[in-house]
Protein backbone atom coordinates (compact mmCIF):
# COMPACT_ATOMS: atom_id res chain seq x y z
CA MET A 1 -44.93 60.04 -121.93
CA SER A 2 -47.47 59.90 -119.94
CA GLU A 3 -48.01 63.10 -117.36
CA LYS A 4 -47.66 62.01 -113.96
CA LYS A 5 -50.62 63.49 -110.83
CA ILE A 6 -48.73 64.76 -107.59
CA ALA A 7 -51.03 65.26 -104.78
CA LEU A 8 -49.55 67.98 -101.67
CA VAL A 9 -50.51 67.55 -98.13
CA GLY A 10 -50.16 70.97 -96.39
CA SER A 11 -50.01 74.45 -97.43
CA GLY A 12 -47.01 76.04 -95.78
CA TRP A 13 -43.83 77.58 -97.73
CA ARG A 14 -42.85 74.00 -98.46
CA ALA A 15 -46.05 73.19 -100.43
CA GLU A 16 -45.85 76.51 -101.65
CA THR A 17 -42.70 76.00 -102.98
CA TRP A 18 -43.36 72.08 -104.35
CA ALA A 19 -46.76 73.79 -105.94
CA ARG A 20 -44.27 76.40 -107.64
CA LEU A 21 -41.94 73.83 -108.98
CA ILE A 22 -44.83 71.30 -110.05
CA GLY A 23 -45.85 74.24 -111.92
CA VAL A 24 -43.43 74.41 -114.09
CA LEU A 25 -42.23 70.85 -114.63
CA PRO A 26 -43.44 69.50 -118.13
CA GLY A 27 -44.89 66.10 -117.76
CA PHE A 28 -45.80 67.21 -113.88
CA ARG A 29 -49.50 68.34 -113.17
CA LEU A 30 -50.56 68.71 -109.70
CA THR A 31 -54.12 67.48 -108.57
CA SER A 32 -55.20 68.50 -105.17
CA VAL A 33 -53.76 69.95 -102.32
CA LEU A 34 -55.06 68.10 -98.67
CA VAL A 35 -55.40 71.28 -95.84
CA ARG A 36 -56.62 71.33 -93.14
CA ASN A 37 -57.57 75.30 -93.24
CA ALA A 38 -60.74 76.65 -95.01
CA GLN A 39 -59.03 79.98 -95.52
CA LYS A 40 -55.74 78.39 -96.28
CA ALA A 41 -57.54 75.88 -98.97
CA ASP A 42 -59.20 79.32 -100.61
CA ARG A 43 -56.33 81.30 -100.62
CA PHE A 44 -53.68 77.93 -101.93
CA SER A 45 -56.81 77.64 -104.20
CA ALA A 46 -56.34 81.05 -105.70
CA ARG A 47 -52.69 81.70 -105.81
CA PHE A 48 -51.91 78.21 -107.47
CA GLY A 49 -55.02 77.36 -109.57
CA VAL A 50 -55.23 74.08 -107.95
CA LYS A 51 -58.42 72.10 -105.94
CA THR A 52 -57.57 72.24 -102.23
CA VAL A 53 -59.51 69.07 -100.42
CA PHE A 54 -59.69 68.24 -96.31
CA SER A 55 -60.02 64.92 -96.82
CA GLU A 56 -57.61 62.65 -97.45
CA GLU A 57 -59.75 60.47 -99.14
CA ALA A 58 -61.00 63.49 -101.16
CA LEU A 59 -57.11 63.76 -102.57
CA LEU A 60 -57.07 59.92 -103.07
CA SER A 61 -59.33 59.89 -105.37
CA ASP A 62 -57.61 61.95 -108.15
CA SER A 63 -55.84 58.47 -108.27
CA PRO A 64 -51.88 60.35 -108.24
CA ASP A 65 -49.04 59.07 -109.12
CA LEU A 66 -47.14 60.53 -105.61
CA VAL A 67 -48.29 62.21 -102.99
CA LEU A 68 -46.20 64.89 -101.53
CA VAL A 69 -46.31 65.20 -98.00
CA CYS A 70 -45.39 69.10 -96.46
CA VAL A 71 -46.93 68.23 -92.80
CA PRO A 72 -45.40 69.75 -89.02
CA LYS A 73 -42.23 67.16 -88.05
CA GLY A 74 -44.22 65.56 -85.49
CA ASP A 75 -46.90 64.84 -88.09
CA ASN A 76 -44.78 63.34 -90.58
CA PHE A 77 -44.46 59.89 -90.13
CA SER A 78 -47.97 59.66 -89.67
CA VAL A 79 -49.16 61.28 -92.47
CA THR A 80 -46.62 59.80 -94.72
CA GLU A 81 -47.45 55.80 -93.19
CA ARG A 82 -51.72 56.99 -93.76
CA PHE A 83 -50.16 56.93 -97.58
CA VAL A 84 -47.67 54.27 -98.49
CA ARG A 85 -50.36 51.99 -96.67
CA ALA A 86 -53.01 53.19 -99.13
CA GLY A 87 -50.14 51.96 -101.63
CA VAL A 88 -49.38 55.59 -103.22
CA LYS A 89 -45.61 56.52 -103.14
CA THR A 90 -44.93 59.14 -101.23
CA LEU A 91 -42.20 61.96 -100.97
CA CYS A 92 -41.48 63.27 -97.22
CA GLU A 93 -39.50 66.38 -95.63
CA THR A 94 -37.26 65.53 -92.95
CA PRO A 95 -37.16 64.41 -90.18
CA ALA A 96 -38.46 60.86 -91.90
CA GLY A 97 -39.22 59.76 -87.53
CA ILE A 98 -38.51 61.16 -84.27
CA THR A 99 -38.58 57.45 -82.58
CA GLU A 100 -35.85 55.10 -83.39
CA GLU A 101 -39.10 53.19 -84.38
CA GLU A 102 -40.01 55.59 -86.52
CA ARG A 103 -36.96 55.34 -88.24
CA GLU A 104 -36.99 51.93 -89.11
CA ILE A 105 -40.47 51.29 -90.24
CA PHE A 106 -39.22 54.59 -93.21
CA SER A 107 -36.07 51.59 -94.27
CA SER A 108 -39.07 48.88 -94.75
CA TRP A 109 -40.81 51.36 -96.74
CA GLU A 110 -38.07 51.26 -99.68
CA GLY A 111 -39.05 52.23 -103.14
CA LYS A 112 -42.63 53.50 -101.42
CA VAL A 113 -41.04 56.16 -100.04
CA ARG A 114 -38.61 58.71 -100.53
CA VAL A 115 -37.54 61.29 -98.19
CA ALA A 116 -36.65 65.56 -99.22
CA GLU A 117 -33.94 67.92 -97.76
CA GLN A 118 -34.46 71.29 -98.54
CA TYR A 119 -32.02 72.79 -96.21
CA PRO A 120 -28.76 72.32 -98.14
CA LEU A 121 -30.91 74.80 -100.76
CA GLN A 122 -31.84 77.70 -98.08
CA PRO A 123 -29.83 80.30 -97.68
CA ARG A 124 -28.19 79.71 -94.13
CA PHE A 125 -27.33 76.69 -95.12
CA ARG A 126 -25.67 77.79 -98.41
CA ALA A 127 -23.59 80.33 -96.63
CA LEU A 128 -22.45 77.98 -94.18
CA SER A 129 -21.28 75.06 -97.15
CA ALA A 130 -19.78 78.04 -98.83
CA LEU A 131 -17.38 78.55 -95.13
CA ILE A 132 -16.71 75.01 -94.67
CA SER A 133 -15.73 74.60 -98.65
CA SER A 134 -13.58 78.11 -98.16
CA GLY A 135 -10.86 76.03 -96.04
CA SER A 136 -11.53 78.57 -92.83
CA LEU A 137 -12.61 76.40 -90.51
CA GLY A 138 -9.79 74.38 -91.14
CA ARG A 139 -10.48 70.41 -92.00
CA VAL A 140 -14.30 69.60 -91.24
CA ASN A 141 -15.69 66.49 -90.49
CA PHE A 142 -18.75 64.64 -88.10
CA LEU A 143 -19.30 61.43 -86.51
């Protein structure tokens, strides 16, 4: 099985979490990270031993098999769209789109983009889930 090359967009805590995970997964390699700020780029590179770049073209020049988009929610759709249109499989954080139109476009990209949800792993949400599962609140449902 050949090694899967993964690129990251962003340098916040989500990107750092992905970088740590990719670093320990066999068969995967982090090729580069797209960062807007030179100081953050230097810090990220030093911490994770990965090349940082400042343009989408530079990120794509490494021919990643997958791009992980870890940007603020207001930028998520536009950044993801550029990589999908470039023909690269993409994984982005939530929300998949803010407007109804964006969500519809995301739906049309089936097979090209996936959406990851990190909240179930955060301590607050684990605690809420445990409380709900305990039955203390009674039957919980949502629409």
